[in-house]
């Protein structure tokens, strides 16, 4: 399973396996409380592993990064 990004698919949004299913859509479904079984029932071309991969991708996208500290003005 993989997340793909291409300018010709959904305007370059990260999608699941090149399908026109954005990662954000799947993450929103999980956030709304849907189970993996419910998501696969709504989007039968997805697999349970696609949902896990979308969540891993989203977690990596917002992972804490080391940022430079700015000197305080006080």
C-alpha atoms as a PDB file:
ATOM      1  CA  UNK A   1       0.000   0.000   0.000  1.00  0.00           C
ATOM      2  CA  UNK A   2       1.240   3.470  -0.638  1.00  0.00           C
ATOM      3  CA  UNK A   3       0.312   7.099  -0.671  1.00  0.00           C
ATOM      4  CA  UNK A   4       0.795   8.777  -4.018  1.00  0.00           C
ATOM      5  CA  UNK A   5       1.076  12.406  -5.014  1.00  0.00           C
ATOM      6  CA  UNK A   6       0.753  13.453  -8.615  1.00  0.00           C
ATOM      7  CA  UNK A   7      -0.348  16.688 -10.257  1.00  0.00           C
ATOM      8  CA  UNK A   8      -2.776  14.829 -12.526  1.00  0.00           C
ATOM      9  CA  UNK A   9      -4.643  13.190  -9.624  1.00  0.00           C
ATOM     10  CA  UNK A  10      -6.760  15.402  -7.359  1.00  0.00           C
ATOM     11  CA  UNK A  11      -4.575  18.428  -8.031  1.00  0.00           C
ATOM     12  CA  UNK A  12      -1.559  16.885  -6.346  1.00  0.00           C
ATOM     13  CA  UNK A  13      -3.231  16.042  -3.042  1.00  0.00           C
ATOM     14  CA  UNK A  14      -1.832  12.948  -1.292  1.00  0.00           C
ATOM     15  CA  UNK A  15      -4.090  10.058  -2.313  1.00  0.00           C
ATOM     16  CA  UNK A  16      -4.346   6.385  -1.557  1.00  0.00           C
ATOM     17  CA  UNK A  17      -2.719   4.148  -4.197  1.00  0.00           C
ATOM     18  CA  UNK A  18      -3.294   6.639  -6.986  1.00  0.00           C
ATOM     19  CA  UNK A  19      -7.042   6.415  -6.477  1.00  0.00           C
ATOM     20  CA  UNK A  20      -9.004   9.605  -6.266  1.00  0.00           C
ATOM     21  CA  UNK A  21      -9.353   9.190  -2.514  1.00  0.00           C
ATOM     22  CA  UNK A  22      -7.410  11.862  -0.632  1.00  0.00           C
ATOM     23  CA  UNK A  23      -5.671  10.915   2.591  1.00  0.00           C
ATOM     24  CA  UNK A  24      -7.534  13.821   4.224  1.00  0.00           C
ATOM     25  CA  UNK A  25     -10.884  12.208   3.389  1.00  0.00           C
ATOM     26  CA  UNK A  26      -9.966   8.959   5.108  1.00  0.00           C
ATOM     27  CA  UNK A  27      -8.463  10.730   8.114  1.00  0.00           C
ATOM     28  CA  UNK A  28     -11.658  12.805   8.431  1.00  0.00           C
ATOM     29  CA  UNK A  29     -13.765   9.657   8.355  1.00  0.00           C
ATOM     30  CA  UNK A  30     -11.695   8.184  11.200  1.00  0.00           C
ATOM     31  CA  UNK A  31     -11.924  11.478  13.119  1.00  0.00           C
ATOM     32  CA  UNK A  32     -15.701  11.387  12.699  1.00  0.00           C
ATOM     33  CA  UNK A  33     -15.715   8.057  14.518  1.00  0.00           C
ATOM     34  CA  UNK A  34     -16.117   5.685  11.595  1.00  0.00           C
ATOM     35  CA  UNK A  35     -14.589   2.241  11.990  1.00  0.00           C
ATOM     36  CA  UNK A  36     -12.344   0.686   9.366  1.00  0.00           C
ATOM     37  CA  UNK A  37     -15.198  -1.653   8.423  1.00  0.00           C
ATOM     38  CA  UNK A  38     -17.558   1.286   7.899  1.00  0.00           C
ATOM     39  CA  UNK A  39     -15.008   3.126   5.768  1.00  0.00           C
ATOM     40  CA  UNK A  40     -14.369   0.072   3.591  1.00  0.00           C
ATOM     41  CA  UNK A  41     -18.137  -0.419   3.244  1.00  0.00           C
ATOM     42  CA  UNK A  42     -18.480   3.196   2.020  1.00  0.00           C
ATOM     43  CA  UNK A  43     -15.375   3.014  -0.181  1.00  0.00           C
ATOM     44  CA  UNK A  44     -15.167  -0.665  -1.227  1.00  0.00           C
ATOM     45  CA  UNK A  45     -12.099  -0.138  -3.429  1.00  0.00           C
ATOM     46  CA  UNK A  46     -10.086   0.588  -0.260  1.00  0.00           C
ATOM     47  CA  UNK A  47      -8.559  -2.012   2.011  1.00  0.00           C
ATOM     48  CA  UNK A  48      -8.140  -1.845   5.768  1.00  0.00           C
ATOM     49  CA  UNK A  49      -4.378  -1.387   5.301  1.00  0.00           C
ATOM     50  CA  UNK A  50      -5.088   1.731   3.193  1.00  0.00           C
ATOM     51  CA  UNK A  51      -6.707   3.316   6.234  1.00  0.00           C
ATOM     52  CA  UNK A  52      -3.719   2.525   8.434  1.00  0.00           C
ATOM     53  CA  UNK A  53      -1.362   3.887   5.781  1.00  0.00           C
ATOM     54  CA  UNK A  54      -3.387   7.123   5.552  1.00  0.00           C
ATOM     55  CA  UNK A  55      -3.111   7.568   9.314  1.00  0.00           C
ATOM     56  CA  UNK A  56       0.631   6.881   9.267  1.00  0.00           C
ATOM     57  CA  UNK A  57       1.077   9.418   6.456  1.00  0.00           C
ATOM     58  CA  UNK A  58      -0.948  12.042   8.343  1.00  0.00           C
ATOM     59  CA  UNK A  59       1.030  11.427  11.531  1.00  0.00           C
ATOM     60  CA  UNK A  60       4.316  11.852   9.694  1.00  0.00           C
ATOM     61  CA  UNK A  61       3.059  15.028   8.021  1.00  0.00           C
ATOM     62  CA  UNK A  62       2.484  16.702  11.380  1.00  0.00           C
ATOM     63  CA  UNK A  63       5.313  15.090  13.318  1.00  0.00           C
ATOM     64  CA  UNK A  64       7.095  17.529  15.588  1.00  0.00           C
ATOM     65  CA  UNK A  65      10.069  19.022  13.869  1.00  0.00           C
ATOM     66  CA  UNK A  66      13.007  20.805  15.460  1.00  0.00           C
ATOM     67  CA  UNK A  67      12.497  24.525  15.006  1.00  0.00           C
ATOM     68  CA  UNK A  68      15.049  27.232  15.713  1.00  0.00           C
ATOM     69  CA  UNK A  69      14.354  29.304  18.821  1.00  0.00           C
ATOM     70  CA  UNK A  70      14.112  33.016  18.288  1.00  0.00           C
ATOM     71  CA  UNK A  71      15.717  35.303  20.842  1.00  0.00           C
ATOM     72  CA  UNK A  72      13.138  36.878  23.137  1.00  0.00           C
ATOM     73  CA  UNK A  73      12.602  40.593  22.782  1.00  0.00           C
ATOM     74  CA  UNK A  74      12.274  41.072  26.541  1.00  0.00           C
END
